[in-house]
Amino acid sequence: MRVEYLVTIEITNSFCKTKKSFLNFIQSDSEINIVGKKINYKSDVFGIEITEENSPSEKNKIFHIKLSNENDEKVNEFTNLLKVLRNLLHMASKNNIQTLWDDIGFNYSLKCYPIIHEIENMMRKLITKFMLTNVGVGWVETAIPEELKKSKELNHR
């Protein structure tokens, strides 16, 4: 899974003016160490690639950060690294971080959707069965407010 950020840093002095100084800033957290295309966080190793992008302004520096996790069992550890990294990036960029790609959200949606689907079906069954057995066959006509019926009719035209 991969996550990509685009970080814009306003250049007012020498802070994060180069890729090297930007890497040093990220490694200012004692639990982060970057060697080549690997980032070590605590006892885990993930992929990282940082490139400088062209900026239309001399006053800004733009860095494209690509992080990857090949081990699906390390999703929580990868998420923790991302939280720490985003906190650092917010300090450097004054909250100017754009998420370009986020497989973490996709991963969680794959896990959650079957549960949401099951709950939706159970609720439909519960409501329909309750209304039919307690209100009767015409429950739709008696239970739905007139405004809702009218808006439904307008949408079907």
N, C-alpha and C. Protein backbone atom coordinates (compact mmCIF):
# COMPACT_ATOMS: atom_id res chain seq x y z
N MET A 1 0.84 -1.17 0.00
CA MET A 1 0.00 0.00 0.00
C MET A 1 0.88 1.23 0.00
N ARG A 2 0.35 2.31 -0.57
CA ARG A 2 1.17 3.52 -0.67
C ARG A 2 0.38 4.75 -0.25
N VAL A 3 1.13 5.74 0.18
CA VAL A 3 0.58 7.04 0.55
C VAL A 3 1.52 8.08 -0.04
N GLU A 4 0.94 9.11 -0.64
CA GLU A 4 1.75 10.17 -1.23
C GLU A 4 1.27 11.53 -0.74
N TYR A 5 2.24 12.39 -0.42
CA TYR A 5 1.96 13.75 0.01
C TYR A 5 2.73 14.73 -0.87
N LEU A 6 2.14 15.89 -1.08
CA LEU A 6 2.82 17.00 -1.71
C LEU A 6 2.89 18.10 -0.65
N VAL A 7 4.10 18.49 -0.29
CA VAL A 7 4.31 19.43 0.80
C VAL A 7 4.93 20.70 0.24
N THR A 8 4.29 21.83 0.52
CA THR A 8 4.82 23.13 0.09
C THR A 8 5.34 23.86 1.32
N ILE A 9 6.61 24.22 1.26
CA ILE A 9 7.25 24.92 2.38
C ILE A 9 7.63 26.31 1.92
N GLU A 10 7.22 27.30 2.70
CA GLU A 10 7.57 28.68 2.40
C GLU A 10 9.02 28.90 2.83
N ILE A 11 9.83 29.38 1.89
CA ILE A 11 11.25 29.59 2.17
C ILE A 11 11.44 31.02 2.67
N THR A 12 11.75 31.13 3.96
CA THR A 12 12.04 32.45 4.54
C THR A 12 13.50 32.54 4.97
N ASN A 13 14.13 31.39 5.16
CA ASN A 13 15.55 31.33 5.51
C ASN A 13 16.09 30.00 4.97
N SER A 14 17.06 29.42 5.63
CA SER A 14 17.64 28.17 5.12
C SER A 14 16.89 26.92 5.58
N PHE A 15 15.82 27.07 6.34
CA PHE A 15 15.05 25.93 6.85
C PHE A 15 14.41 25.16 5.70
N CYS A 16 14.76 23.89 5.57
CA CYS A 16 14.22 22.98 4.54
C CYS A 16 14.34 23.54 3.12
N LYS A 17 15.42 24.25 2.89
CA LYS A 17 15.63 24.86 1.57
C LYS A 17 16.12 23.84 0.55
N THR A 18 16.72 22.75 1.04
CA THR A 18 17.22 21.69 0.16
C THR A 18 16.61 20.36 0.57
N LYS A 19 16.74 19.39 -0.32
CA LYS A 19 16.24 18.04 0.00
C LYS A 19 16.98 17.48 1.21
N LYS A 20 18.29 17.73 1.27
CA LYS A 20 19.10 17.23 2.38
C LYS A 20 18.61 17.81 3.72
N SER A 21 18.36 19.11 3.75
CA SER A 21 17.88 19.72 5.00
C SER A 21 16.47 19.24 5.34
N PHE A 22 15.66 18.98 4.31
CA PHE A 22 14.32 18.45 4.54
C PHE A 22 14.39 17.05 5.14
N LEU A 23 15.28 16.21 4.60
CA LEU A 23 15.48 14.86 5.15
C LEU A 23 15.97 14.93 6.60
N ASN A 24 16.89 15.86 6.86
CA ASN A 24 17.39 16.03 8.23
C ASN A 24 16.27 16.46 9.17
N PHE A 25 15.38 17.33 8.67
CA PHE A 25 14.25 17.77 9.50
C PHE A 25 13.35 16.59 9.85
N ILE A 26 13.03 15.75 8.87
CA ILE A 26 12.18 14.58 9.13
C ILE A 26 12.84 13.67 10.16
N GLN A 27 14.17 13.53 10.06
CA GLN A 27 14.90 12.66 10.97
C GLN A 27 15.16 13.32 12.33
N SER A 28 14.65 14.53 12.52
CA SER A 28 14.79 15.17 13.83
C SER A 28 13.98 14.42 14.88
N ASP A 29 13.00 13.63 14.44
CA ASP A 29 12.31 12.72 15.35
C ASP A 29 13.25 11.54 15.59
N SER A 30 13.56 11.28 16.84
CA SER A 30 14.57 10.26 17.17
C SER A 30 14.16 8.85 16.78
N GLU A 31 12.88 8.63 16.49
CA GLU A 31 12.43 7.29 16.10
C GLU A 31 12.41 7.09 14.59
N ILE A 32 12.82 8.11 13.84
CA ILE A 32 12.83 8.03 12.37
C ILE A 32 14.27 8.10 11.87
N ASN A 33 14.59 7.18 10.97
CA ASN A 33 15.90 7.18 10.32
C ASN A 33 15.68 6.82 8.84
N ILE A 34 16.23 7.64 7.95
CA ILE A 34 16.08 7.40 6.52
C ILE A 34 17.43 7.02 5.93
N VAL A 35 17.46 5.87 5.27
CA VAL A 35 18.67 5.40 4.59
C VAL A 35 18.26 4.98 3.17
N GLY A 36 18.73 5.73 2.19
CA GLY A 36 18.36 5.44 0.81
C GLY A 36 16.87 5.58 0.60
N LYS A 37 16.23 4.51 0.16
CA LYS A 37 14.78 4.53 -0.08
C LYS A 37 14.02 3.79 1.00
N LYS A 38 14.62 3.71 2.19
CA LYS A 38 13.98 3.04 3.33
C LYS A 38 13.87 4.02 4.49
N ILE A 39 12.73 3.96 5.16
CA ILE A 39 12.53 4.76 6.37
C ILE A 39 12.31 3.79 7.52
N ASN A 40 13.15 3.92 8.53
CA ASN A 40 13.02 3.09 9.73
C ASN A 40 12.24 3.88 10.76
N TYR A 41 11.17 3.30 11.24
CA TYR A 41 10.37 3.92 12.29
C TYR A 41 10.22 2.91 13.41
N LYS A 42 10.77 3.26 14.56
CA LYS A 42 10.86 2.33 15.68
C LYS A 42 11.58 1.07 15.18
N SER A 43 10.95 -0.06 15.17
CA SER A 43 11.63 -1.28 14.70
C SER A 43 11.13 -1.73 13.33
N ASP A 44 10.35 -0.90 12.66
CA ASP A 44 9.77 -1.27 11.37
C ASP A 44 10.45 -0.51 10.22
N VAL A 45 10.44 -1.13 9.05
CA VAL A 45 11.06 -0.53 7.86
C VAL A 45 10.00 -0.42 6.76
N PHE A 46 9.90 0.77 6.19
CA PHE A 46 8.96 1.03 5.10
C PHE A 46 9.71 1.70 3.96
N GLY A 47 9.07 1.80 2.82
CA GLY A 47 9.68 2.47 1.68
C GLY A 47 9.39 3.96 1.70
N ILE A 48 10.36 4.75 1.23
CA ILE A 48 10.15 6.20 1.12
C ILE A 48 10.93 6.72 -0.09
N GLU A 49 10.32 7.67 -0.75
CA GLU A 49 10.98 8.36 -1.86
C GLU A 49 10.57 9.82 -1.78
N ILE A 50 11.56 10.69 -1.75
CA ILE A 50 11.28 12.13 -1.67
C ILE A 50 11.94 12.81 -2.86
N THR A 51 11.13 13.56 -3.60
CA THR A 51 11.66 14.31 -4.74
C THR A 51 11.27 15.78 -4.60
N GLU A 52 12.13 16.63 -5.14
CA GLU A 52 11.82 18.06 -5.20
C GLU A 52 11.04 18.32 -6.48
N GLU A 53 9.98 19.08 -6.37
CA GLU A 53 9.17 19.44 -7.54
C GLU A 53 9.41 20.90 -7.89
N ASN A 54 9.15 21.24 -9.13
CA ASN A 54 9.27 22.63 -9.55
C ASN A 54 8.19 23.46 -8.88
N SER A 55 8.58 24.66 -8.49
CA SER A 55 7.62 25.58 -7.87
C SER A 55 7.52 26.83 -8.74
N PRO A 56 6.32 27.35 -8.92
CA PRO A 56 6.18 28.56 -9.72
C PRO A 56 6.73 29.80 -9.01
N SER A 57 7.06 29.65 -7.73
CA SER A 57 7.55 30.77 -6.95
C SER A 57 8.88 30.43 -6.29
N GLU A 58 9.78 31.39 -6.29
CA GLU A 58 11.07 31.21 -5.60
C GLU A 58 10.88 31.17 -4.09
N LYS A 59 9.72 31.61 -3.63
CA LYS A 59 9.46 31.68 -2.19
C LYS A 59 9.01 30.35 -1.61
N ASN A 60 8.75 29.38 -2.47
CA ASN A 60 8.26 28.08 -2.00
C ASN A 60 9.14 26.94 -2.49
N LYS A 61 9.19 25.90 -1.68
CA LYS A 61 9.85 24.66 -2.04
C LYS A 61 8.80 23.57 -1.95
N ILE A 62 8.71 22.72 -2.97
CA ILE A 62 7.70 21.66 -2.99
C ILE A 62 8.41 20.31 -2.98
N PHE A 63 7.98 19.45 -2.04
CA PHE A 63 8.52 18.11 -1.93
C PHE A 63 7.39 17.10 -2.14
N HIS A 64 7.68 16.08 -2.94
CA HIS A 64 6.73 14.99 -3.19
C HIS A 64 7.24 13.79 -2.39
N ILE A 65 6.44 13.35 -1.43
CA ILE A 65 6.83 12.24 -0.56
C ILE A 65 5.98 11.03 -0.89
N LYS A 66 6.64 9.92 -1.20
CA LYS A 66 5.95 8.66 -1.48
C LYS A 66 6.38 7.66 -0.43
N LEU A 67 5.42 7.12 0.29
CA LEU A 67 5.69 6.10 1.30
C LEU A 67 5.00 4.81 0.90
N SER A 68 5.63 3.69 1.23
CA SER A 68 5.02 2.41 0.87
C SER A 68 5.20 1.40 2.00
N ASN A 69 4.22 0.52 2.08
CA ASN A 69 4.23 -0.57 3.06
C ASN A 69 3.87 -1.85 2.31
N GLU A 70 4.79 -2.77 2.27
CA GLU A 70 4.57 -4.03 1.55
C GLU A 70 3.97 -5.10 2.45
N ASN A 71 3.94 -4.86 3.75
CA ASN A 71 3.48 -5.87 4.71
C ASN A 71 2.11 -5.47 5.26
N ASP A 72 1.06 -6.16 4.82
CA ASP A 72 -0.30 -5.83 5.26
C ASP A 72 -0.51 -6.01 6.75
N GLU A 73 0.34 -6.78 7.40
CA GLU A 73 0.23 -6.98 8.84
C GLU A 73 0.78 -5.80 9.63
N LYS A 74 1.44 -4.87 8.94
CA LYS A 74 2.04 -3.70 9.60
C LYS A 74 1.25 -2.42 9.31
N VAL A 75 -0.05 -2.55 9.04
CA VAL A 75 -0.86 -1.37 8.72
C VAL A 75 -0.89 -0.39 9.89
N ASN A 76 -1.06 -0.89 11.11
CA ASN A 76 -1.12 0.01 12.27
C ASN A 76 0.20 0.74 12.48
N GLU A 77 1.32 0.04 12.32
CA GLU A 77 2.62 0.66 12.47
C GLU A 77 2.85 1.70 11.37
N PHE A 78 2.42 1.38 10.15
CA PHE A 78 2.54 2.31 9.03
C PHE A 78 1.68 3.55 9.29
N THR A 79 0.48 3.34 9.80
CA THR A 79 -0.40 4.46 10.14
C THR A 79 0.22 5.34 11.21
N ASN A 80 0.86 4.73 12.21
CA ASN A 80 1.53 5.50 13.26
C ASN A 80 2.67 6.34 12.68
N LEU A 81 3.44 5.76 11.77
CA LEU A 81 4.50 6.52 11.10
C LEU A 81 3.91 7.72 10.37
N LEU A 82 2.81 7.50 9.65
CA LEU A 82 2.19 8.58 8.89
C LEU A 82 1.72 9.71 9.80
N LYS A 83 1.19 9.36 10.97
CA LYS A 83 0.75 10.40 11.93
C LYS A 83 1.93 11.24 12.38
N VAL A 84 3.03 10.57 12.74
CA VAL A 84 4.22 11.29 13.19
C VAL A 84 4.77 12.15 12.06
N LEU A 85 4.83 11.59 10.87
CA LEU A 85 5.34 12.32 9.72
C LEU A 85 4.47 13.54 9.40
N ARG A 86 3.15 13.36 9.42
CA ARG A 86 2.25 14.50 9.14
C ARG A 86 2.42 15.60 10.19
N ASN A 87 2.60 15.23 11.44
CA ASN A 87 2.84 16.24 12.48
C ASN A 87 4.10 17.04 12.18
N LEU A 88 5.16 16.35 11.78
CA LEU A 88 6.40 17.04 11.41
C LEU A 88 6.16 17.95 10.20
N LEU A 89 5.48 17.42 9.20
CA LEU A 89 5.24 18.19 7.98
C LEU A 89 4.38 19.42 8.24
N HIS A 90 3.43 19.30 9.15
CA HIS A 90 2.60 20.46 9.50
C HIS A 90 3.46 21.56 10.13
N MET A 91 4.44 21.17 10.92
CA MET A 91 5.35 22.16 11.52
C MET A 91 6.16 22.87 10.44
N ALA A 92 6.62 22.12 9.46
CA ALA A 92 7.49 22.69 8.43
C ALA A 92 6.71 23.50 7.40
N SER A 93 5.49 23.08 7.10
CA SER A 93 4.77 23.68 5.97
C SER A 93 3.60 24.56 6.36
N LYS A 94 3.41 24.77 7.63
CA LYS A 94 2.26 25.58 8.09
C LYS A 94 0.95 25.03 7.53
N ASN A 95 0.78 23.72 7.66
CA ASN A 95 -0.44 23.01 7.26
C ASN A 95 -0.69 22.97 5.76
N ASN A 96 0.35 23.13 4.95
CA ASN A 96 0.17 23.07 3.50
C ASN A 96 0.62 21.71 2.98
N ILE A 97 -0.15 20.68 3.34
CA ILE A 97 0.13 19.31 2.93
C ILE A 97 -1.06 18.81 2.12
N GLN A 98 -0.78 18.32 0.94
CA GLN A 98 -1.84 17.77 0.10
C GLN A 98 -1.64 16.26 0.01
N THR A 99 -2.70 15.51 0.26
CA THR A 99 -2.64 14.06 0.11
C THR A 99 -2.95 13.74 -1.34
N LEU A 100 -1.99 13.12 -2.02
CA LEU A 100 -2.17 12.77 -3.42
C LEU A 100 -2.71 11.35 -3.58
N TRP A 101 -2.34 10.47 -2.68
CA TRP A 101 -2.76 9.07 -2.76
C TRP A 101 -2.82 8.52 -1.35
N ASP A 102 -3.88 7.75 -1.04
CA ASP A 102 -4.03 7.21 0.31
C ASP A 102 -4.64 5.81 0.27
N ASP A 103 -3.79 4.81 0.27
CA ASP A 103 -4.27 3.43 0.29
C ASP A 103 -4.72 3.00 1.68
N ILE A 104 -4.39 3.76 2.70
CA ILE A 104 -4.84 3.42 4.05
C ILE A 104 -6.37 3.49 4.10
N GLY A 105 -6.94 4.57 3.60
CA GLY A 105 -8.39 4.71 3.55
C GLY A 105 -9.04 3.61 2.73
N PHE A 106 -8.42 3.27 1.62
CA PHE A 106 -8.93 2.19 0.76
C PHE A 106 -8.90 0.86 1.51
N ASN A 107 -7.82 0.61 2.22
CA ASN A 107 -7.68 -0.62 3.00
C ASN A 107 -8.79 -0.73 4.04
N TYR A 108 -9.04 0.37 4.78
CA TYR A 108 -10.09 0.34 5.79
C TYR A 108 -11.47 0.23 5.16
N SER A 109 -11.68 0.85 4.00
CA SER A 109 -12.99 0.75 3.35
C SER A 109 -13.27 -0.68 2.90
N LEU A 110 -12.23 -1.39 2.45
CA LEU A 110 -12.42 -2.80 2.07
C LEU A 110 -12.82 -3.65 3.27
N LYS A 111 -12.29 -3.31 4.43
CA LYS A 111 -12.62 -4.07 5.64
C LYS A 111 -13.99 -3.68 6.18
N CYS A 112 -14.36 -2.42 6.05
CA CYS A 112 -15.59 -1.93 6.67
C CYS A 112 -16.84 -2.15 5.82
N TYR A 113 -16.72 -2.08 4.51
CA TYR A 113 -17.93 -2.13 3.70
C TYR A 113 -18.76 -3.39 3.91
N PRO A 114 -18.17 -4.58 4.01
CA PRO A 114 -19.01 -5.76 4.28
C PRO A 114 -19.81 -5.63 5.57
N ILE A 115 -19.23 -5.00 6.58
CA ILE A 115 -19.94 -4.80 7.85
C ILE A 115 -21.08 -3.81 7.66
N ILE A 116 -20.81 -2.71 6.95
CA ILE A 116 -21.85 -1.71 6.69
C ILE A 116 -22.98 -2.33 5.88
N HIS A 117 -22.63 -3.12 4.88
CA HIS A 117 -23.63 -3.79 4.04
C HIS A 117 -24.51 -4.72 4.88
N GLU A 118 -23.91 -5.47 5.78
CA GLU A 118 -24.67 -6.38 6.64
C GLU A 118 -25.60 -5.61 7.57
N ILE A 119 -25.12 -4.52 8.16
CA ILE A 119 -25.95 -3.70 9.05
C ILE A 119 -27.11 -3.10 8.27
N GLU A 120 -26.84 -2.61 7.06
CA GLU A 120 -27.91 -2.04 6.23
C GLU A 120 -29.00 -3.07 5.97
N ASN A 121 -28.63 -4.28 5.62
CA ASN A 121 -29.62 -5.33 5.36
C ASN A 121 -30.38 -5.71 6.63
N MET A 122 -29.69 -5.81 7.75
CA MET A 122 -30.37 -6.14 9.01
C MET A 122 -31.36 -5.05 9.40
N MET A 123 -30.98 -3.77 9.22
CA MET A 123 -31.89 -2.67 9.55
C MET A 123 -33.10 -2.67 8.62
N ARG A 124 -32.89 -2.90 7.33
CA ARG A 124 -34.00 -2.97 6.39
C ARG A 124 -34.96 -4.07 6.80
N LYS A 125 -34.43 -5.23 7.15
CA LYS A 125 -35.25 -6.36 7.57
C LYS A 125 -36.02 -6.02 8.84
N LEU A 126 -35.34 -5.44 9.82
CA LEU A 126 -35.97 -5.09 11.09
C LEU A 126 -37.10 -4.09 10.90
N ILE A 127 -36.81 -3.01 10.17
CA ILE A 127 -37.82 -1.97 9.97
C ILE A 127 -39.01 -2.50 9.18
N THR A 128 -38.74 -3.20 8.09
CA THR A 128 -39.83 -3.71 7.25
C THR A 128 -40.69 -4.71 8.02
N LYS A 129 -40.06 -5.64 8.70
CA LYS A 129 -40.80 -6.65 9.45
C LYS A 129 -41.62 -6.00 10.58
N PHE A 130 -41.00 -5.07 11.30
CA PHE A 130 -41.70 -4.39 12.39
C PHE A 130 -42.91 -3.62 11.85
N MET A 131 -42.69 -2.85 10.79
CA MET A 131 -43.77 -2.03 10.26
C MET A 131 -44.90 -2.88 9.68
N LEU A 132 -44.58 -3.95 8.97
CA LEU A 132 -45.62 -4.81 8.40
C LEU A 132 -46.42 -5.51 9.49
N THR A 133 -45.75 -5.98 10.54
CA THR A 133 -46.46 -6.72 11.60
C THR A 133 -47.18 -5.81 12.57
N ASN A 134 -46.77 -4.55 12.71
CA ASN A 134 -47.40 -3.66 13.68
C ASN A 134 -48.29 -2.58 13.07
N VAL A 135 -47.99 -2.17 11.84
CA VAL A 135 -48.77 -1.11 11.21
C VAL A 135 -49.62 -1.66 10.07
N GLY A 136 -49.11 -2.66 9.39
CA GLY A 136 -49.87 -3.28 8.31
C GLY A 136 -49.23 -3.05 6.96
N VAL A 137 -49.89 -3.60 5.93
CA VAL A 137 -49.37 -3.56 4.57
C VAL A 137 -49.23 -2.13 4.07
N GLY A 138 -50.11 -1.25 4.45
CA GLY A 138 -50.09 0.13 3.99
C GLY A 138 -49.16 1.02 4.80
N TRP A 139 -48.20 0.45 5.48
CA TRP A 139 -47.34 1.24 6.37
C TRP A 139 -46.56 2.32 5.63
N VAL A 140 -46.22 2.09 4.38
CA VAL A 140 -45.49 3.10 3.63
C VAL A 140 -46.36 4.34 3.45
N GLU A 141 -47.64 4.13 3.14
CA GLU A 141 -48.55 5.25 2.93
C GLU A 141 -48.83 6.01 4.22
N THR A 142 -48.90 5.30 5.35
CA THR A 142 -49.25 5.96 6.61
C THR A 142 -48.03 6.49 7.36
N ALA A 143 -46.87 5.95 7.13
CA ALA A 143 -45.69 6.31 7.92
C ALA A 143 -44.81 7.39 7.28
N ILE A 144 -44.88 7.55 5.97
CA ILE A 144 -44.01 8.52 5.30
C ILE A 144 -44.70 9.88 5.26
N PRO A 145 -44.02 10.94 5.71
CA PRO A 145 -44.60 12.29 5.69
C PRO A 145 -44.91 12.74 4.25
N GLU A 146 -45.90 13.61 4.12
CA GLU A 146 -46.34 14.09 2.81
C GLU A 146 -45.22 14.79 2.04
N GLU A 147 -44.38 15.57 2.74
CA GLU A 147 -43.29 16.29 2.07
C GLU A 147 -42.33 15.31 1.40
N LEU A 148 -42.06 14.21 2.06
CA LEU A 148 -41.15 13.21 1.52
C LEU A 148 -41.77 12.52 0.30
N LYS A 149 -43.07 12.24 0.39
CA LYS A 149 -43.75 11.63 -0.75
C LYS A 149 -43.71 12.55 -1.96
N LYS A 150 -43.95 13.86 -1.74
CA LYS A 150 -43.95 14.83 -2.84
C LYS A 150 -42.56 14.95 -3.45
N SER A 151 -41.53 14.99 -2.62
CA SER A 151 -40.17 15.11 -3.16
C SER A 151 -39.78 13.86 -3.94
N LYS A 152 -40.25 12.71 -3.51
CA LYS A 152 -39.98 11.47 -4.23
C LYS A 152 -40.67 11.50 -5.59
N GLU A 153 -41.91 12.01 -5.63
CA GLU A 153 -42.65 12.10 -6.89
C GLU A 153 -41.96 13.07 -7.85
N LEU A 154 -41.45 14.18 -7.33
CA LEU A 154 -40.77 15.16 -8.17
C LEU A 154 -39.48 14.59 -8.75
N ASN A 155 -38.78 13.79 -7.99
CA ASN A 155 -37.51 13.21 -8.45
C ASN A 155 -37.72 12.13 -9.51
N HIS A 156 -38.89 11.52 -9.54
CA HIS A 156 -39.15 10.46 -10.50
C HIS A 156 -39.66 10.99 -11.83
N ARG A 157 -39.90 12.27 -11.94
CA ARG A 157 -40.42 12.85 -13.18
C ARG A 157 -39.33 13.13 -14.16
